[in-house]
Amino acid sequence: MKRIHMHRTIITVFAAASIAASSTAAGAQVIVCAKHAQIVEYLKDEFQELQGAYGLVGDKAILELFLSPQGATWTLVITDASGKSCILAAGDSWEQKPDIAGVDT
């Protein structure tokens, strides 16, 4: 259990550092934040993306992956407990790996 907690802490710190670094680096991507419902509607309307996966980041946030049909585009969104969502990254050509034996998704 301690190992899982440590792993989650590292992920949380990495996510926070990524946000901080991307807002200060020259030529960095702009992080877009809005209410969760607005982000979801925008991704659906503009890119036909729907939630494909999600996971908890401790008790502080939810990390979501939105995918368009056939993985043409993807977006990674983090939402805090207040409902504020931010787009962390986006791209194209998402490839889904085959299922891993013993892991339910």
Protein backbone atom coordinates (compact mmCIF):
# COMPACT_ATOMS: atom_id res chain seq x y z
CA MET A 1 0.00 0.00 0.00
CA LYS A 2 2.85 2.36 0.86
CA ARG A 3 4.34 1.79 -2.63
CA ILE A 4 1.05 2.70 -4.33
CA HIS A 5 0.77 5.88 -2.25
CA MET A 6 4.34 6.86 -3.17
CA HIS A 7 3.63 6.22 -6.86
CA ARG A 8 0.52 8.40 -6.72
CA THR A 9 2.43 11.15 -4.93
CA ILE A 10 5.07 11.14 -7.65
CA ILE A 11 2.37 11.39 -10.34
CA THR A 12 0.72 14.30 -8.52
CA VAL A 13 4.02 16.14 -8.19
CA PHE A 14 4.81 15.47 -11.85
CA ALA A 15 1.42 16.84 -12.95
CA ALA A 16 1.88 19.98 -10.85
CA ALA A 17 5.41 20.47 -12.16
CA SER A 18 4.23 20.02 -15.73
CA ILE A 19 1.61 22.71 -15.26
CA ALA A 20 4.12 25.10 -13.72
CA ALA A 21 6.81 24.43 -16.33
CA SER A 22 4.48 24.76 -19.28
CA SER A 23 3.25 28.16 -18.16
CA THR A 24 6.76 29.59 -17.84
CA ALA A 25 8.65 28.06 -20.75
CA ALA A 26 9.05 30.15 -23.89
CA GLY A 27 6.74 28.93 -26.64
CA ALA A 28 4.94 26.58 -24.27
CA GLN A 29 1.44 25.31 -24.90
CA VAL A 30 -1.27 27.40 -23.31
CA ILE A 31 -3.19 25.55 -20.62
CA VAL A 32 -6.90 26.10 -21.06
CA CYS A 33 -9.09 25.89 -17.95
CA ALA A 34 -12.86 26.14 -17.56
CA LYS A 35 -15.75 24.42 -15.84
CA HIS A 36 -15.76 20.68 -16.48
CA ALA A 37 -19.04 20.76 -18.42
CA GLN A 38 -17.66 23.44 -20.76
CA ILE A 39 -14.49 21.45 -21.50
CA VAL A 40 -16.49 18.26 -22.14
CA GLU A 41 -18.90 20.09 -24.48
CA TYR A 42 -16.04 21.77 -26.37
CA LEU A 43 -14.17 18.48 -26.90
CA LYS A 44 -17.34 16.76 -28.09
CA ASP A 45 -18.39 19.57 -30.45
CA GLU A 46 -14.98 20.41 -31.93
CA PHE A 47 -13.28 17.01 -32.04
CA GLN A 48 -16.02 14.42 -31.38
CA GLU A 49 -14.01 13.35 -28.34
CA LEU A 50 -15.62 11.41 -25.50
CA GLN A 51 -14.18 10.19 -22.21
CA GLY A 52 -12.20 7.02 -22.87
CA ALA A 53 -10.58 6.52 -19.47
CA TYR A 54 -10.15 8.21 -16.11
CA GLY A 55 -8.35 7.82 -12.82
CA LEU A 56 -8.19 9.47 -9.42
CA VAL A 57 -5.22 11.62 -8.43
CA GLY A 58 -5.44 11.02 -4.69
CA ASP A 59 -8.50 12.75 -3.29
CA LYS A 60 -7.67 16.03 -5.03
CA ALA A 61 -8.40 15.51 -8.74
CA ILE A 62 -9.54 13.29 -11.59
CA LEU A 63 -7.39 12.74 -14.67
CA GLU A 64 -9.40 12.00 -17.83
CA LEU A 65 -8.49 10.88 -21.32
CA PHE A 66 -10.85 11.98 -24.10
CA LEU A 67 -10.66 10.20 -27.46
CA SER A 68 -12.20 10.80 -30.85
CA PRO A 69 -13.42 7.91 -33.03
CA GLN A 70 -10.57 5.64 -34.18
CA GLY A 71 -8.13 7.67 -32.03
CA ALA A 72 -7.78 10.49 -34.56
CA THR A 73 -7.33 12.99 -31.70
CA TRP A 74 -6.94 12.78 -27.91
CA THR A 75 -6.98 15.19 -24.97
CA LEU A 76 -5.77 14.78 -21.39
CA VAL A 77 -7.83 16.76 -18.84
CA ILE A 78 -7.40 17.18 -15.08
CA THR A 79 -10.32 18.27 -12.90
CA ASP A 80 -9.99 19.44 -9.30
CA ALA A 81 -12.51 18.99 -6.48
CA SER A 82 -14.16 22.35 -7.25
CA GLY A 83 -15.00 21.26 -10.82
CA LYS A 84 -12.32 23.35 -12.54
CA SER A 85 -10.86 21.42 -15.49
CA CYS A 86 -7.66 22.12 -17.37
CA ILE A 87 -6.43 20.63 -20.63
CA LEU A 88 -2.94 19.29 -19.91
CA ALA A 89 -2.07 17.89 -23.33
CA ALA A 90 -3.63 17.04 -26.67
CA GLY A 91 -2.51 15.27 -29.80
CA ASP A 92 -3.42 12.88 -32.55
CA SER A 93 -2.95 9.24 -33.62
CA TRP A 94 -3.81 7.60 -30.29
CA GLU A 95 -2.98 3.88 -30.31
CA GLN A 96 -4.61 1.55 -27.80
CA LYS A 97 -2.39 -1.30 -26.58
CA PRO A 98 -3.90 -4.78 -26.31
CA ASP A 99 -5.48 -5.67 -22.96
CA ILE A 100 -3.07 -6.65 -20.23
CA ALA A 101 -3.89 -10.03 -18.69
CA GLY A 102 -5.35 -9.67 -15.20
CA VAL A 103 -6.04 -5.93 -15.44
CA ASP A 104 -9.65 -4.79 -15.74
CA THR A 105 -10.18 -1.40 -17.34
